[in-house]
Amino acid sequence: MIVEELISVNEQIKELNNIKQRIENELIKELNHEHEGSKTYNEGVYKINIKTDFIYSVDKEKYLEEKELIPPEFNPIIEKVSYSVDKNKFKDATSHNSTFMSEIITIKPAKPYLTISRINE
């Protein structure tokens, strides 16, 4: 059955991704690449480019409580405004003024996401 084949492939991909990540981490450690940034290494016939980065996140609640203590010139936090579309309101709005809505909002298909689980019998 095609569903079982997809489950099997997904399990193999997950296992291979774990192996790949472990090997990449071993290589990074072996090359002593312990910094943020990009560097190219020559190892025999191989040219290896390693790019490492860190993910920075903000505890928004704590930041908002204490941001007044940070001098503006030393505040690394960028506050952004985000715009998103309420799908239900969009459907109603397009029935009233579809031309205007189509000028300011574009629609494109999202990547499909499948979740398959075995039903316990």
PDB file of N, CA and C in Angstrom:
ATOM      1  N   MET A   1       0.848  -1.189   0.000  1.00  0.00           N
ATOM      2  CA  MET A   1       0.000   0.000   0.000  1.00  0.00           C
ATOM      3  C   MET A   1       0.885   1.240   0.000  1.00  0.00           C
ATOM      4  N   ILE A   2       0.458   2.262  -0.690  1.00  0.00           N
ATOM      5  CA  ILE A   2       1.256   3.479  -0.859  1.00  0.00           C
ATOM      6  C   ILE A   2       1.470   4.216   0.466  1.00  0.00           C
ATOM      7  N   VAL A   3       0.498   4.135   1.375  1.00  0.00           N
ATOM      8  CA  VAL A   3       0.636   4.807   2.677  1.00  0.00           C
ATOM      9  C   VAL A   3       1.775   4.173   3.471  1.00  0.00           C
ATOM     10  N   GLU A   4       1.854   2.856   3.466  1.00  0.00           N
ATOM     11  CA  GLU A   4       2.932   2.162   4.179  1.00  0.00           C
ATOM     12  C   GLU A   4       4.291   2.500   3.577  1.00  0.00           C
ATOM     13  N   GLU A   5       4.340   2.624   2.257  1.00  0.00           N
ATOM     14  CA  GLU A   5       5.589   2.999   1.591  1.00  0.00           C
ATOM     15  C   GLU A   5       6.011   4.403   2.011  1.00  0.00           C
ATOM     16  N   LEU A   6       5.051   5.325   2.074  1.00  0.00           N
ATOM     17  CA  LEU A   6       5.356   6.691   2.500  1.00  0.00           C
ATOM     18  C   LEU A   6       5.834   6.721   3.946  1.00  0.00           C
ATOM     19  N   ILE A   7       5.210   5.957   4.809  1.00  0.00           N
ATOM     20  CA  ILE A   7       5.639   5.879   6.213  1.00  0.00           C
ATOM     21  C   ILE A   7       7.066   5.352   6.292  1.00  0.00           C
ATOM     22  N   SER A   8       7.354   4.316   5.535  1.00  0.00           N
ATOM     23  CA  SER A   8       8.693   3.730   5.533  1.00  0.00           C
ATOM     24  C   SER A   8       9.732   4.738   5.051  1.00  0.00           C
ATOM     25  N   VAL A   9       9.433   5.448   3.975  1.00  0.00           N
ATOM     26  CA  VAL A   9      10.364   6.449   3.436  1.00  0.00           C
ATOM     27  C   VAL A   9      10.580   7.570   4.455  1.00  0.00           C
ATOM     28  N   ASN A  10       9.515   8.037   5.094  1.00  0.00           N
ATOM     29  CA  ASN A  10       9.643   9.091   6.109  1.00  0.00           C
ATOM     30  C   ASN A  10      10.527   8.649   7.264  1.00  0.00           C
ATOM     31  N   GLU A  11      10.393   7.402   7.690  1.00  0.00           N
ATOM     32  CA  GLU A  11      11.241   6.880   8.772  1.00  0.00           C
ATOM     33  C   GLU A  11      12.697   6.813   8.339  1.00  0.00           C
ATOM     34  N   GLN A  12      12.932   6.392   7.099  1.00  0.00           N
ATOM     35  CA  GLN A  12      14.298   6.333   6.577  1.00  0.00           C
ATOM     36  C   GLN A  12      14.911   7.725   6.483  1.00  0.00           C
ATOM     37  N   ILE A  13      14.138   8.691   6.013  1.00  0.00           N
ATOM     38  CA  ILE A  13      14.626  10.069   5.904  1.00  0.00           C
ATOM     39  C   ILE A  13      14.978  10.610   7.281  1.00  0.00           C
ATOM     40  N   LYS A  14      14.120  10.373   8.258  1.00  0.00           N
ATOM     41  CA  LYS A  14      14.384  10.837   9.622  1.00  0.00           C
ATOM     42  C   LYS A  14      15.682  10.228  10.155  1.00  0.00           C
ATOM     43  N   GLU A  15      15.850   8.920   9.947  1.00  0.00           N
ATOM     44  CA  GLU A  15      17.058   8.241  10.414  1.00  0.00           C
ATOM     45  C   GLU A  15      18.293   8.773   9.690  1.00  0.00           C
ATOM     46  N   LEU A  16      18.197   8.952   8.373  1.00  0.00           N
ATOM     47  CA  LEU A  16      19.332   9.470   7.606  1.00  0.00           C
ATOM     48  C   LEU A  16      19.665  10.909   7.988  1.00  0.00           C
ATOM     49  N   ASN A  17      18.655  11.741   8.251  1.00  0.00           N
ATOM     50  CA  ASN A  17      18.906  13.117   8.695  1.00  0.00           C
ATOM     51  C   ASN A  17      19.631  13.136  10.029  1.00  0.00           C
ATOM     52  N   ASN A  18      19.261  12.231  10.937  1.00  0.00           N
ATOM     53  CA  ASN A  18      19.962  12.140  12.229  1.00  0.00           C
ATOM     54  C   ASN A  18      21.416  11.732  12.036  1.00  0.00           C
ATOM     55  N   ILE A  19      21.650  10.758  11.155  1.00  0.00           N
ATOM     56  CA  ILE A  19      23.019  10.321  10.871  1.00  0.00           C
ATOM     57  C   ILE A  19      23.812  11.456  10.237  1.00  0.00           C
ATOM     58  N   LYS A  20      23.204  12.152   9.272  1.00  0.00           N
ATOM     59  CA  LYS A  20      23.867  13.279   8.590  1.00  0.00           C
ATOM     60  C   LYS A  20      24.245  14.369   9.590  1.00  0.00           C
ATOM     61  N   GLN A  21      23.317  14.703  10.488  1.00  0.00           N
ATOM     62  CA  GLN A  21      23.589  15.737  11.481  1.00  0.00           C
ATOM     63  C   GLN A  21      24.729  15.328  12.415  1.00  0.00           C
ATOM     64  N   ARG A  22      24.744  14.065  12.829  1.00  0.00           N
ATOM     65  CA  ARG A  22      25.812  13.577  13.707  1.00  0.00           C
ATOM     66  C   ARG A  22      27.162  13.666  13.001  1.00  0.00           C
ATOM     67  N   ILE A  23      27.217  13.244  11.734  1.00  0.00           N
ATOM     68  CA  ILE A  23      28.476  13.275  10.979  1.00  0.00           C
ATOM     69  C   ILE A  23      28.929  14.715  10.741  1.00  0.00           C
ATOM     70  N   GLU A  24      27.992  15.610  10.413  1.00  0.00           N
ATOM     71  CA  GLU A  24      28.352  17.027  10.231  1.00  0.00           C
ATOM     72  C   GLU A  24      28.922  17.609  11.516  1.00  0.00           C
ATOM     73  N   ASN A  25      28.311  17.291  12.653  1.00  0.00           N
ATOM     74  CA  ASN A  25      28.822  17.789  13.936  1.00  0.00           C
ATOM     75  C   ASN A  25      30.210  17.236  14.232  1.00  0.00           C
ATOM     76  N   GLU A  26      30.447  15.967  13.887  1.00  0.00           N
ATOM     77  CA  GLU A  26      31.779  15.385  14.076  1.00  0.00           C
ATOM     78  C   GLU A  26      32.808  16.097  13.204  1.00  0.00           C
ATOM     79  N   LEU A  27      32.442  16.389  11.953  1.00  0.00           N
ATOM     80  CA  LEU A  27      33.349  17.079  11.046  1.00  0.00           C
ATOM     81  C   LEU A  27      33.658  18.487  11.537  1.00  0.00           C
ATOM     82  N   ILE A  28      32.640  19.206  11.994  1.00  0.00           N
ATOM     83  CA  ILE A  28      32.835  20.559  12.521  1.00  0.00           C
ATOM     84  C   ILE A  28      33.782  20.526  13.715  1.00  0.00           C
ATOM     85  N   LYS A  29      33.597  19.536  14.577  1.00  0.00           N
ATOM     86  CA  LYS A  29      34.462  19.390  15.761  1.00  0.00           C
ATOM     87  C   LYS A  29      35.889  19.033  15.328  1.00  0.00           C
ATOM     88  N   GLU A  30      36.017  18.118  14.365  1.00  0.00           N
ATOM     89  CA  GLU A  30      37.335  17.692  13.883  1.00  0.00           C
ATOM     90  C   GLU A  30      38.107  18.854  13.264  1.00  0.00           C
ATOM     91  N   LEU A  31      37.389  19.760  12.600  1.00  0.00           N
ATOM     92  CA  LEU A  31      38.038  20.911  11.965  1.00  0.00           C
ATOM     93  C   LEU A  31      38.195  22.095  12.917  1.00  0.00           C
ATOM     94  N   ASN A  32      37.773  21.925  14.175  1.00  0.00           N
ATOM     95  CA  ASN A  32      37.856  22.982  15.196  1.00  0.00           C
ATOM     96  C   ASN A  32      37.136  24.255  14.774  1.00  0.00           C
ATOM     97  N   HIS A  33      36.010  24.099  14.130  1.00  0.00           N
ATOM     98  CA  HIS A  33      35.197  25.251  13.716  1.00  0.00           C
ATOM     99  C   HIS A  33      34.209  25.535  14.845  1.00  0.00           C
ATOM    100  N   GLU A  34      34.649  26.331  15.794  1.00  0.00           N
ATOM    101  CA  GLU A  34      33.824  26.591  16.975  1.00  0.00           C
ATOM    102  C   GLU A  34      33.454  28.058  17.085  1.00  0.00           C
ATOM    103  N   HIS A  35      33.089  28.655  15.978  1.00  0.00           N
ATOM    104  CA  HIS A  35      32.737  30.069  16.005  1.00  0.00           C
ATOM    105  C   HIS A  35      31.555  30.333  15.086  1.00  0.00           C
ATOM    106  N   GLU A  36      30.964  31.477  15.279  1.00  0.00           N
ATOM    107  CA  GLU A  36      29.865  31.898  14.419  1.00  0.00           C
ATOM    108  C   GLU A  36      30.454  32.485  13.152  1.00  0.00           C
ATOM    109  N   GLY A  37      29.960  32.034  12.024  1.00  0.00           N
ATOM    110  CA  GLY A  37      30.442  32.580  10.762  1.00  0.00           C
ATOM    111  C   GLY A  37      30.700  31.499   9.744  1.00  0.00           C
ATOM    112  N   SER A  38      31.412  31.879   8.697  1.00  0.00           N
ATOM    113  CA  SER A  38      31.671  30.985   7.575  1.00  0.00           C
ATOM    114  C   SER A  38      33.179  30.861   7.367  1.00  0.00           C
ATOM    115  N   LYS A  39      33.603  29.647   7.063  1.00  0.00           N
ATOM    116  CA  LYS A  39      35.016  29.425   6.780  1.00  0.00           C
ATOM    117  C   LYS A  39      35.125  28.219   5.856  1.00  0.00           C
ATOM    118  N   THR A  40      36.093  28.282   4.950  1.00  0.00           N
ATOM    119  CA  THR A  40      36.339  27.188   4.024  1.00  0.00           C
ATOM    120  C   THR A  40      37.607  26.461   4.443  1.00  0.00           C
ATOM    121  N   TYR A  41      37.520  25.135   4.446  1.00  0.00           N
ATOM    122  CA  TYR A  41      38.645  24.287   4.824  1.00  0.00           C
ATOM    123  C   TYR A  41      39.002  23.408   3.629  1.00  0.00           C
ATOM    124  N   ASN A  42      40.287  23.174   3.434  1.00  0.00           N
ATOM    125  CA  ASN A  42      40.744  22.251   2.402  1.00  0.00           C
ATOM    126  C   ASN A  42      41.253  20.997   3.092  1.00  0.00           C
ATOM    127  N   GLU A  43      40.620  19.887   2.793  1.00  0.00           N
ATOM    128  CA  GLU A  43      40.989  18.599   3.365  1.00  0.00           C
ATOM    129  C   GLU A  43      41.224  17.626   2.217  1.00  0.00           C
ATOM    130  N   GLY A  44      42.485  17.429   1.874  1.00  0.00           N
ATOM    131  CA  GLY A  44      42.799  16.536   0.752  1.00  0.00           C
ATOM    132  C   GLY A  44      42.183  17.063  -0.531  1.00  0.00           C
ATOM    133  N   VAL A  45      41.361  16.258  -1.174  1.00  0.00           N
ATOM    134  CA  VAL A  45      40.729  16.661  -2.427  1.00  0.00           C
ATOM    135  C   VAL A  45      39.406  17.384  -2.190  1.00  0.00           C
ATOM    136  N   TYR A  46      39.062  17.611  -0.937  1.00  0.00           N
ATOM    137  CA  TYR A  46      37.765  18.209  -0.613  1.00  0.00           C
ATOM    138  C   TYR A  46      37.904  19.656  -0.153  1.00  0.00           C
ATOM    139  N   LYS A  47      36.986  20.469  -0.604  1.00  0.00           N
ATOM    140  CA  LYS A  47      36.855  21.851  -0.157  1.00  0.00           C
ATOM    141  C   LYS A  47      35.565  21.888   0.659  1.00  0.00           C
ATOM    142  N   ILE A  48      35.685  22.184   1.932  1.00  0.00           N
ATOM    143  CA  ILE A  48      34.540  22.126   2.844  1.00  0.00           C
ATOM    144  C   ILE A  48      34.235  23.528   3.347  1.00  0.00           C
ATOM    145  N   ASN A  49      33.043  24.005   3.050  1.00  0.00           N
ATOM    146  CA  ASN A  49      32.622  25.308   3.542  1.00  0.00           C
ATOM    147  C   ASN A  49      31.634  25.082   4.673  1.00  0.00           C
ATOM    148  N   ILE A  50      31.961  25.624   5.834  1.00  0.00           N
ATOM    149  CA  ILE A  50      31.097  25.472   7.000  1.00  0.00           C
ATOM    150  C   ILE A  50      30.545  26.837   7.367  1.00  0.00           C
ATOM    151  N   LYS A  51      29.238  26.905   7.478  1.00  0.00           N
ATOM    152  CA  LYS A  51      28.569  28.122   7.924  1.00  0.00           C
ATOM    153  C   LYS A  51      27.845  27.784   9.219  1.00  0.00           C
ATOM    154  N   THR A  52      28.197  28.469  10.269  1.00  0.00           N
ATOM    155  CA  THR A  52      27.529  28.252  11.549  1.00  0.00           C
ATOM    156  C   THR A  52      26.919  29.556  12.014  1.00  0.00           C
ATOM    157  N   ASP A  53      25.842  29.442  12.687  1.00  0.00           N
ATOM    158  CA  ASP A  53      25.137  30.617  13.180  1.00  0.00           C
ATOM    159  C   ASP A  53      24.495  30.259  14.507  1.00  0.00           C
ATOM    160  N   PHE A  54      24.029  31.240  15.194  1.00  0.00           N
ATOM    161  CA  PHE A  54      23.289  31.052  16.426  1.00  0.00           C
ATOM    162  C   PHE A  54      21.898  31.638  16.242  1.00  0.00           C
ATOM    163  N   ILE A  55      20.943  31.037  16.881  1.00  0.00           N
ATOM    164  CA  ILE A  55      19.580  31.551  16.837  1.00  0.00           C
ATOM    165  C   ILE A  55      19.369  32.373  18.102  1.00  0.00           C
ATOM    166  N   TYR A  56      19.068  33.628  17.913  1.00  0.00           N
ATOM    167  CA  TYR A  56      18.828  34.527  19.025  1.00  0.00           C
ATOM    168  C   TYR A  56      17.321  34.683  19.197  1.00  0.00           C
ATOM    169  N   SER A  57      16.845  34.559  20.411  1.00  0.00           N
ATOM    170  CA  SER A  57      15.413  34.746  20.652  1.00  0.00           C
ATOM    171  C   SER A  57      15.225  35.683  21.840  1.00  0.00           C
ATOM    172  N   VAL A  58      14.090  36.301  21.877  1.00  0.00           N
ATOM    173  CA  VAL A  58      13.792  37.293  22.905  1.00  0.00           C
ATOM    174  C   VAL A  58      12.674  36.776  23.795  1.00  0.00           C
ATOM    175  N   ASP A  59      12.877  36.903  25.088  1.00  0.00           N
ATOM    176  CA  ASP A  59      11.795  36.654  26.034  1.00  0.00           C
ATOM    177  C   ASP A  59      10.987  37.948  26.050  1.00  0.00           C
ATOM    178  N   LYS A  60       9.943  37.992  25.227  1.00  0.00           N
ATOM    179  CA  LYS A  60       9.197  39.228  24.995  1.00  0.00           C
ATOM    180  C   LYS A  60       8.637  39.810  26.288  1.00  0.00           C
ATOM    181  N   GLU A  61       8.094  38.955  27.123  1.00  0.00           N
ATOM    182  CA  GLU A  61       7.493  39.438  28.374  1.00  0.00           C
ATOM    183  C   GLU A  61       8.537  40.118  29.254  1.00  0.00           C
ATOM    184  N   LYS A  62       9.678  39.455  29.441  1.00  0.00           N
ATOM    185  CA  LYS A  62      10.746  40.029  30.271  1.00  0.00           C
ATOM    186  C   LYS A  62      11.302  41.302  29.620  1.00  0.00           C
ATOM    187  N   TYR A  63      11.459  41.270  28.298  1.00  0.00           N
ATOM    188  CA  TYR A  63      11.977  42.438  27.597  1.00  0.00           C
ATOM    189  C   TYR A  63      11.064  43.640  27.803  1.00  0.00           C
ATOM    190  N   LEU A  64       9.762  43.445  27.629  1.00  0.00           N
ATOM    191  CA  LEU A  64       8.822  44.557  27.774  1.00  0.00           C
ATOM    192  C   LEU A  64       8.812  45.108  29.197  1.00  0.00           C
ATOM    193  N   GLU A  65       9.048  44.239  30.166  1.00  0.00           N
ATOM    194  CA  GLU A  65       9.105  44.685  31.566  1.00  0.00           C
ATOM    195  C   GLU A  65      10.352  45.520  31.841  1.00  0.00           C
ATOM    196  N   GLU A  66      11.465  45.201  31.167  1.00  0.00           N
ATOM    197  CA  GLU A  66      12.746  45.796  31.536  1.00  0.00           C
ATOM    198  C   GLU A  66      13.427  46.609  30.438  1.00  0.00           C
ATOM    199  N   LYS A  67      12.745  46.830  29.319  1.00  0.00           N
ATOM    200  CA  LYS A  67      13.422  47.499  28.211  1.00  0.00           C
ATOM    201  C   LYS A  67      13.833  48.931  28.546  1.00  0.00           C
ATOM    202  N   GLU A  68      13.180  49.549  29.492  1.00  0.00           N
ATOM    203  CA  GLU A  68      13.540  50.923  29.874  1.00  0.00           C
ATOM    204  C   GLU A  68      14.928  50.984  30.520  1.00  0.00           C
ATOM    205  N   LEU A  69      15.432  49.854  30.995  1.00  0.00           N
ATOM    206  CA  LEU A  69      16.750  49.812  31.628  1.00  0.00           C
ATOM    207  C   LEU A  69      17.892  49.751  30.606  1.00  0.00           C
ATOM    208  N   ILE A  70      17.554  49.493  29.340  1.00  0.00           N
ATOM    209  CA  ILE A  70      18.574  49.374  28.303  1.00  0.00           C
ATOM    210  C   ILE A  70      18.689  50.708  27.568  1.00  0.00           C
ATOM    211  N   PRO A  71      19.878  51.334  27.587  1.00  0.00           N
ATOM    212  CA  PRO A  71      20.043  52.577  26.823  1.00  0.00           C
ATOM    213  C   PRO A  71      19.763  52.306  25.342  1.00  0.00           C
ATOM    214  N   PRO A  72      19.020  53.180  24.678  1.00  0.00           N
ATOM    215  CA  PRO A  72      18.644  52.954  23.271  1.00  0.00           C
ATOM    216  C   PRO A  72      19.816  52.617  22.351  1.00  0.00           C
ATOM    217  N   GLU A  73      20.965  53.225  22.573  1.00  0.00           N
ATOM    218  CA  GLU A  73      22.112  52.965  21.696  1.00  0.00           C
ATOM    219  C   GLU A  73      22.707  51.564  21.893  1.00  0.00           C
ATOM    220  N   PHE A  74      22.338  50.885  22.994  1.00  0.00           N
ATOM    221  CA  PHE A  74      22.832  49.531  23.255  1.00  0.00           C
ATOM    222  C   PHE A  74      21.727  48.478  23.189  1.00  0.00           C
ATOM    223  N   ASN A  75      20.552  48.880  22.759  1.00  0.00           N
ATOM    224  CA  ASN A  75      19.433  47.939  22.704  1.00  0.00           C
ATOM    225  C   ASN A  75      19.472  47.177  21.371  1.00  0.00           C
ATOM    226  N   PRO A  76      19.772  45.860  21.410  1.00  0.00           N
ATOM    227  CA  PRO A  76      19.865  45.089  20.166  1.00  0.00           C
ATOM    228  C   PRO A  76      18.521  44.556  19.665  1.00  0.00           C
ATOM    229  N   ILE A  77      17.467  44.809  20.397  1.00  0.00           N
ATOM    230  CA  ILE A  77      16.151  44.266  20.052  1.00  0.00           C
ATOM    231  C   ILE A  77      15.463  45.178  19.032  1.00  0.00           C
ATOM    232  N   ILE A  78      15.000  44.573  17.948  1.00  0.00           N
ATOM    233  CA  ILE A  78      14.246  45.303  16.932  1.00  0.00           C
ATOM    234  C   ILE A  78      12.788  44.901  17.085  1.00  0.00           C
ATOM    235  N   GLU A  79      11.950  45.877  17.321  1.00  0.00           N
ATOM    236  CA  GLU A  79      10.523  45.600  17.432  1.00  0.00           C
ATOM    237  C   GLU A  79       9.912  45.777  16.052  1.00  0.00           C
ATOM    238  N   LYS A  80       9.183  44.752  15.604  1.00  0.00           N
ATOM    239  CA  LYS A  80       8.603  44.779  14.261  1.00  0.00           C
ATOM    240  C   LYS A  80       7.090  44.665  14.336  1.00  0.00           C
ATOM    241  N   VAL A  81       6.459  45.238  13.339  1.00  0.00           N
ATOM    242  CA  VAL A  81       5.019  45.091  13.167  1.00  0.00           C
ATOM    243  C   VAL A  81       4.823  44.027  12.096  1.00  0.00           C
ATOM    244  N   SER A  82       3.895  43.132  12.309  1.00  0.00           N
ATOM    245  CA  SER A  82       3.657  42.053  11.362  1.00  0.00           C
ATOM    246  C   SER A  82       2.240  42.155  10.804  1.00  0.00           C
ATOM    247  N   TYR A  83       2.108  41.869   9.522  1.00  0.00           N
ATOM    248  CA  TYR A  83       0.797  41.880   8.883  1.00  0.00           C
ATOM    249  C   TYR A  83       0.475  40.464   8.432  1.00  0.00           C
ATOM    250  N   SER A  84      -0.723  40.029   8.715  1.00  0.00           N
ATOM    251  CA  SER A  84      -1.164  38.715   8.259  1.00  0.00           C
ATOM    252  C   SER A  84      -2.614  38.815   7.823  1.00  0.00           C
ATOM    253  N   VAL A  85      -3.080  37.781   7.169  1.00  0.00           N
ATOM    254  CA  VAL A  85      -4.428  37.800   6.611  1.00  0.00           C
ATOM    255  C   VAL A  85      -5.322  36.842   7.394  1.00  0.00           C
ATOM    256  N   ASP A  86      -6.455  37.339   7.835  1.00  0.00           N
ATOM    257  CA  ASP A  86      -7.482  36.500   8.451  1.00  0.00           C
ATOM    258  C   ASP A  86      -8.263  35.879   7.295  1.00  0.00           C
ATOM    259  N   LYS A  87      -8.128  34.563   7.124  1.00  0.00           N
ATOM    260  CA  LYS A  87      -8.722  33.898   5.957  1.00  0.00           C
ATOM    261  C   LYS A  87     -10.235  34.066   5.899  1.00  0.00           C
ATOM    262  N   ASN A  88     -10.899  33.986   7.040  1.00  0.00           N
ATOM    263  CA  ASN A  88     -12.364  34.116   7.045  1.00  0.00           C
ATOM    264  C   ASN A  88     -12.804  35.520   6.639  1.00  0.00           C
ATOM    265  N   LYS A  89     -12.145  36.530   7.188  1.00  0.00           N
ATOM    266  CA  LYS A  89     -12.475  37.913   6.819  1.00  0.00           C
ATOM    267  C   LYS A  89     -12.125  38.174   5.354  1.00  0.00           C
ATOM    268  N   PHE A  90     -11.039  37.546   4.890  1.00  0.00           N
ATOM    269  CA  PHE A  90     -10.633  37.721   3.501  1.00  0.00           C
ATOM    270  C   PHE A  90     -11.733  37.216   2.566  1.00  0.00           C
ATOM    271  N   LYS A  91     -12.295  36.072   2.876  1.00  0.00           N
ATOM    272  CA  LYS A  91     -13.371  35.527   2.040  1.00  0.00           C
ATOM    273  C   LYS A  91     -14.566  36.471   2.001  1.00  0.00           C
ATOM    274  N   ASP A  92     -14.915  37.044   3.156  1.00  0.00           N
ATOM    275  CA  ASP A  92     -16.016  38.005   3.196  1.00  0.00           C
ATOM    276  C   ASP A  92     -15.658  39.275   2.427  1.00  0.00           C
ATOM    277  N   ALA A  93     -14.423  39.744   2.617  1.00  0.00           N
ATOM    278  CA  ALA A  93     -13.989  40.992   1.991  1.00  0.00           C
ATOM    279  C   ALA A  93     -13.943  40.871   0.472  1.00  0.00           C
ATOM    280  N   THR A  94     -13.533  39.728  -0.026  1.00  0.00           N
ATOM    281  CA  THR A  94     -13.447  39.576  -1.483  1.00  0.00           C
ATOM    282  C   THR A  94     -14.825  39.568  -2.127  1.00  0.00           C
ATOM    283  N   SER A  95     -15.832  39.162  -1.382  1.00  0.00           N
ATOM    284  CA  SER A  95     -17.178  39.197  -1.959  1.00  0.00           C
ATOM    285  C   SER A  95     -17.669  40.642  -2.109  1.00  0.00           C
ATOM    286  N   HIS A  96     -17.107  41.570  -1.320  1.00  0.00           N
ATOM    287  CA  HIS A  96     -17.497  42.976  -1.402  1.00  0.00           C
ATOM    288  C   HIS A  96     -16.629  43.781  -2.373  1.00  0.00           C
ATOM    289  N   ASN A  97     -15.327  43.475  -2.391  1.00  0.00           N
ATOM    290  CA  ASN A  97     -14.419  44.244  -3.235  1.00  0.00           C
ATOM    291  C   ASN A  97     -13.246  43.358  -3.648  1.00  0.00           C
ATOM    292  N   SER A  98     -13.490  42.442  -4.559  1.00  0.00           N
ATOM    293  CA  SER A  98     -12.458  41.465  -4.927  1.00  0.00           C
ATOM    294  C   SER A  98     -11.290  42.099  -5.684  1.00  0.00           C
ATOM    295  N   THR A  99     -11.529  43.142  -6.453  1.00  0.00           N
ATOM    296  CA  THR A  99     -10.452  43.771  -7.217  1.00  0.00           C
ATOM    297  C   THR A  99      -9.421  44.389  -6.289  1.00  0.00           C
ATOM    298  N   PHE A 100      -9.881  45.161  -5.327  1.00  0.00           N
ATOM    299  CA  PHE A 100      -8.963  45.808  -4.395  1.00  0.00           C
ATOM    300  C   PHE A 100      -8.203  44.767  -3.585  1.00  0.00           C
ATOM    301  N   MET A 101      -8.899  43.747  -3.093  1.00  0.00           N
ATOM    302  CA  MET A 101      -8.244  42.717  -2.291  1.00  0.00           C
ATOM    303  C   MET A 101      -7.195  41.966  -3.100  1.00  0.00           C
ATOM    304  N   SER A 102      -7.492  41.697  -4.359  1.00  0.00           N
ATOM    305  CA  SER A 102      -6.524  40.969  -5.183  1.00  0.00           C
ATOM    306  C   SER A 102      -5.296  41.819  -5.496  1.00  0.00           C
ATOM    307  N   GLU A 103      -5.418  43.143  -5.378  1.00  0.00           N
ATOM    308  CA  GLU A 103      -4.276  44.020  -5.606  1.00  0.00           C
ATOM    309  C   GLU A 103      -3.335  44.054  -4.409  1.00  0.00           C
ATOM    310  N   ILE A 104      -3.858  43.855  -3.207  1.00  0.00           N
ATOM    311  CA  ILE A 104      -3.004  43.964  -2.018  1.00  0.00           C
ATOM    312  C   ILE A 104      -2.683  42.621  -1.367  1.00  0.00           C
ATOM    313  N   ILE A 105      -3.393  41.577  -1.752  1.00  0.00           N
ATOM    314  CA  ILE A 105      -3.159  40.258  -1.160  1.00  0.00           C
ATOM    315  C   ILE A 105      -2.960  39.245  -2.277  1.00  0.00           C
ATOM    316  N   THR A 106      -1.849  38.539  -2.233  1.00  0.00           N
ATOM    317  CA  THR A 106      -1.617  37.472  -3.203  1.00  0.00           C
ATOM    318  C   THR A 106      -1.798  36.127  -2.506  1.00  0.00           C
ATOM    319  N   ILE A 107      -2.226  35.162  -3.281  1.00  0.00           N
ATOM    320  CA  ILE A 107      -2.460  33.817  -2.750  1.00  0.00           C
ATOM    321  C   ILE A 107      -1.630  32.840  -3.565  1.00  0.00           C
ATOM    322  N   LYS A 108      -0.887  31.994  -2.885  1.00  0.00           N
ATOM    323  CA  LYS A 108      -0.144  30.931  -3.570  1.00  0.00           C
ATOM    324  C   LYS A 108      -0.256  29.666  -2.722  1.00  0.00           C
ATOM    325  N   PRO A 109      -0.198  28.512  -3.357  1.00  0.00           N
ATOM    326  CA  PRO A 109      -0.360  27.269  -2.606  1.00  0.00           C
ATOM    327  C   PRO A 109       0.787  27.047  -1.631  1.00  0.00           C
ATOM    328  N   ALA A 110       0.453  26.575  -0.464  1.00  0.00           N
ATOM    329  CA  ALA A 110       1.459  26.241   0.543  1.00  0.00           C
ATOM    330  C   ALA A 110       1.972  24.831   0.280  1.00  0.00           C
ATOM    331  N   LYS A 111       3.122  24.533   0.855  1.00  0.00           N
ATOM    332  CA  LYS A 111       3.667  23.190   0.736  1.00  0.00           C
ATOM    333  C   LYS A 111       2.739  22.230   1.472  1.00  0.00           C
ATOM    334  N   PRO A 112       2.357  21.133   0.833  1.00  0.00           N
ATOM    335  CA  PRO A 112       1.470  20.183   1.509  1.00  0.00           C
ATOM    336  C   PRO A 112       2.154  19.551   2.714  1.00  0.00           C
ATOM    337  N   TYR A 113       1.408  19.293   3.713  1.00  0.00           N
ATOM    338  CA  TYR A 113       1.925  18.678   4.932  1.00  0.00           C
ATOM    339  C   TYR A 113       1.068  17.461   5.226  1.00  0.00           C
ATOM    340  N   LEU A 114       1.677  16.297   5.225  1.00  0.00           N
ATOM    341  CA  LEU A 114       0.947  15.063   5.480  1.00  0.00           C
ATOM    342  C   LEU A 114       1.360  14.493   6.821  1.00  0.00           C
ATOM    343  N   THR A 115       0.393  14.029   7.575  1.00  0.00           N
ATOM    344  CA  THR A 115       0.652  13.298   8.790  1.00  0.00           C
ATOM    345  C   THR A 115      -0.079  11.982   8.674  1.00  0.00           C
ATOM    346  N   ILE A 116       0.658  10.923   8.835  1.00  0.00           N
ATOM    347  CA  ILE A 116       0.054   9.598   8.736  1.00  0.00           C
ATOM    348  C   ILE A 116       0.325   8.860  10.023  1.00  0.00           C
ATOM    349  N   SER A 117      -0.699   8.318  10.599  1.00  0.00           N
ATOM    350  CA  SER A 117      -0.499   7.507  11.799  1.00  0.00           C
ATOM    351  C   SER A 117      -1.321   6.232  11.649  1.00  0.00           C
ATOM    352  N   ARG A 118      -0.845   5.202  12.288  1.00  0.00           N
ATOM    353  CA  ARG A 118      -1.523   3.913  12.212  1.00  0.00           C
ATOM    354  C   ARG A 118      -2.720   3.907  13.148  1.00  0.00           C
ATOM    355  N   ILE A 119      -3.828   3.419  12.650  1.00  0.00           N
ATOM    356  CA  ILE A 119      -5.038   3.331  13.455  1.00  0.00           C
ATOM    357  C   ILE A 119      -4.952   2.052  14.287  1.00  0.00           C
ATOM    358  N   ASN A 120      -5.103   2.222  15.603  1.00  0.00           N
ATOM    359  CA  ASN A 120      -5.051   1.056  16.483  1.00  0.00           C
ATOM    360  C   ASN A 120      -6.308   0.233  16.307  1.00  0.00           C
ATOM    361  N   GLU A 121      -6.111  -1.023  16.018  1.00  0.00           N
ATOM    362  CA  GLU A 121      -7.259  -1.908  15.792  1.00  0.00           C
ATOM    363  C   GLU A 121      -7.608  -2.681  17.038  1.00  0.00           C
TER     364      GLU A 121
END
